[in-house]
Amino acid sequence: MAPGFKKDDIEIEVDNSGLIISGEIKNDNTKNKIHRSKFNYVMRKKEIDPDSIQGSLEDGILEVKFKTDKERSSKIIKIK
């Protein structure tokens, strides 16, 4: 949940270790009215397909969807 946050206040980033979602309310009037004006969420998942990430914010609820890239997933290699 991200009550008080606007779309411009939130950033979604993906790197080779996972997904990083961060937010900071930029409007001073709103910032003073709510308890938390910043957040940071990290999801460690290496096989996220960066082209598939979609984010939406409606009524204070942030929804992030993505697909995984099966070719980037880990696997166990047997030693011969």
C-alpha atoms as a PDB file:
ATOM      1  CA  MET A   1       0.000   0.000   0.000  1.00  0.00           C
ATOM      2  CA  ALA A   2       1.168   3.512  -0.778  1.00  0.00           C
ATOM      3  CA  PRO A   3      -1.425   5.952   0.606  1.00  0.00           C
ATOM      4  CA  GLY A   4      -0.611   9.590  -0.107  1.00  0.00           C
ATOM      5  CA  PHE A   5       1.899   8.716  -2.835  1.00  0.00           C
ATOM      6  CA  LYS A   6       1.502   9.798  -6.460  1.00  0.00           C
ATOM      7  CA  LYS A   7       2.890   8.014  -9.511  1.00  0.00           C
ATOM      8  CA  ASP A   8       5.760  10.503  -9.757  1.00  0.00           C
ATOM      9  CA  ASP A   9       6.779   9.736  -6.160  1.00  0.00           C
ATOM     10  CA  ILE A  10       7.487   6.043  -6.857  1.00  0.00           C
ATOM     11  CA  GLU A  11      10.392   4.427  -8.712  1.00  0.00           C
ATOM     12  CA  ILE A  12      10.650   0.788  -9.807  1.00  0.00           C
ATOM     13  CA  GLU A  13      14.105  -0.530 -10.693  1.00  0.00           C
ATOM     14  CA  VAL A  14      15.313  -3.965 -11.698  1.00  0.00           C
ATOM     15  CA  ASP A  15      18.900  -5.143 -11.664  1.00  0.00           C
ATOM     16  CA  ASN A  16      20.625  -8.517 -11.800  1.00  0.00           C
ATOM     17  CA  SER A  17      19.839  -9.205  -8.121  1.00  0.00           C
ATOM     18  CA  GLY A  18      16.121  -8.378  -8.121  1.00  0.00           C
ATOM     19  CA  LEU A  19      13.463  -5.698  -7.945  1.00  0.00           C
ATOM     20  CA  ILE A  20      13.736  -2.442  -5.985  1.00  0.00           C
ATOM     21  CA  ILE A  21      10.652  -0.303  -5.316  1.00  0.00           C
ATOM     22  CA  SER A  22      11.142   3.008  -3.553  1.00  0.00           C
ATOM     23  CA  GLY A  23       9.015   6.038  -2.916  1.00  0.00           C
ATOM     24  CA  GLU A  24       9.269   9.485  -1.416  1.00  0.00           C
ATOM     25  CA  ILE A  25       6.483  12.034  -1.244  1.00  0.00           C
ATOM     26  CA  LYS A  26       7.720  15.252  -2.816  1.00  0.00           C
ATOM     27  CA  ASN A  27       4.774  17.490  -1.881  1.00  0.00           C
ATOM     28  CA  ASP A  28       5.534  19.159   1.489  1.00  0.00           C
ATOM     29  CA  ASN A  29       1.845  19.617   2.389  1.00  0.00           C
ATOM     30  CA  THR A  30       1.126  15.913   1.913  1.00  0.00           C
ATOM     31  CA  LYS A  31       4.401  14.892   3.570  1.00  0.00           C
ATOM     32  CA  ASN A  32       3.424  16.685   6.795  1.00  0.00           C
ATOM     33  CA  LYS A  33      -0.020  15.016   6.932  1.00  0.00           C
ATOM     34  CA  ILE A  34       1.015  11.351   6.864  1.00  0.00           C
ATOM     35  CA  HIS A  35       3.159   9.211   9.143  1.00  0.00           C
ATOM     36  CA  ARG A  36       5.516   7.733   6.529  1.00  0.00           C
ATOM     37  CA  SER A  37       6.697   9.796   3.597  1.00  0.00           C
ATOM     38  CA  LYS A  38       9.360   7.322   2.363  1.00  0.00           C
ATOM     39  CA  PHE A  39       9.565   3.606   1.711  1.00  0.00           C
ATOM     40  CA  ASN A  40      11.974   1.120   0.177  1.00  0.00           C
ATOM     41  CA  TYR A  41      11.203  -2.498  -0.755  1.00  0.00           C
ATOM     42  CA  VAL A  42      13.695  -5.001  -2.161  1.00  0.00           C
ATOM     43  CA  MET A  43      12.739  -8.353  -3.685  1.00  0.00           C
ATOM     44  CA  ARG A  44      15.652 -10.676  -4.378  1.00  0.00           C
ATOM     45  CA  LYS A  45      14.713 -12.623  -7.491  1.00  0.00           C
ATOM     46  CA  LYS A  46      17.343 -12.938 -10.192  1.00  0.00           C
ATOM     47  CA  GLU A  47      15.206 -14.208 -13.052  1.00  0.00           C
ATOM     48  CA  ILE A  48      12.881 -11.184 -13.486  1.00  0.00           C
ATOM     49  CA  ASP A  49      12.318 -10.214 -17.121  1.00  0.00           C
ATOM     50  CA  PRO A  50      12.855  -6.407 -17.096  1.00  0.00           C
ATOM     51  CA  ASP A  51      10.748  -5.905 -20.237  1.00  0.00           C
ATOM     52  CA  SER A  52       7.685  -7.444 -18.567  1.00  0.00           C
ATOM     53  CA  ILE A  53       7.476  -5.170 -15.490  1.00  0.00           C
ATOM     54  CA  GLN A  54       4.255  -3.188 -15.174  1.00  0.00           C
ATOM     55  CA  GLY A  55       3.254  -0.952 -12.298  1.00  0.00           C
ATOM     56  CA  SER A  56      -0.045   0.723 -11.435  1.00  0.00           C
ATOM     57  CA  LEU A  57      -1.182   2.912  -8.556  1.00  0.00           C
ATOM     58  CA  GLU A  58      -4.871   3.291  -7.771  1.00  0.00           C
ATOM     59  CA  ASP A  59      -6.528   4.490  -4.555  1.00  0.00           C
ATOM     60  CA  GLY A  60      -3.251   4.175  -2.630  1.00  0.00           C
ATOM     61  CA  ILE A  61      -2.616   0.588  -3.739  1.00  0.00           C
ATOM     62  CA  LEU A  62       0.559  -0.075  -5.716  1.00  0.00           C
ATOM     63  CA  GLU A  63       0.478  -3.164  -7.916  1.00  0.00           C
ATOM     64  CA  VAL A  64       3.617  -4.445  -9.657  1.00  0.00           C
ATOM     65  CA  LYS A  65       3.449  -7.340 -12.112  1.00  0.00           C
ATOM     66  CA  PHE A  66       6.313  -9.105 -13.867  1.00  0.00           C
ATOM     67  CA  LYS A  67       7.248 -12.328 -15.601  1.00  0.00           C
ATOM     68  CA  THR A  68      10.274 -14.440 -14.975  1.00  0.00           C
ATOM     69  CA  ASP A  69      12.818 -15.320 -17.620  1.00  0.00           C
ATOM     70  CA  LYS A  70      13.249 -19.077 -17.326  1.00  0.00           C
ATOM     71  CA  GLU A  71      16.547 -19.000 -19.217  1.00  0.00           C
ATOM     72  CA  ARG A  72      18.068 -16.823 -16.483  1.00  0.00           C
ATOM     73  CA  SER A  73      17.038 -19.107 -13.625  1.00  0.00           C
ATOM     74  CA  SER A  74      19.607 -21.085 -11.722  1.00  0.00           C
ATOM     75  CA  LYS A  75      20.197 -24.773 -12.207  1.00  0.00           C
ATOM     76  CA  ILE A  76      22.306 -27.497 -10.710  1.00  0.00           C
ATOM     77  CA  ILE A  77      25.199 -28.793 -12.801  1.00  0.00           C
ATOM     78  CA  LYS A  78      26.286 -32.392 -12.289  1.00  0.00           C
ATOM     79  CA  ILE A  79      30.026 -32.958 -12.203  1.00  0.00           C
ATOM     80  CA  LYS A  80      31.270 -35.627 -14.616  1.00  0.00           C
END
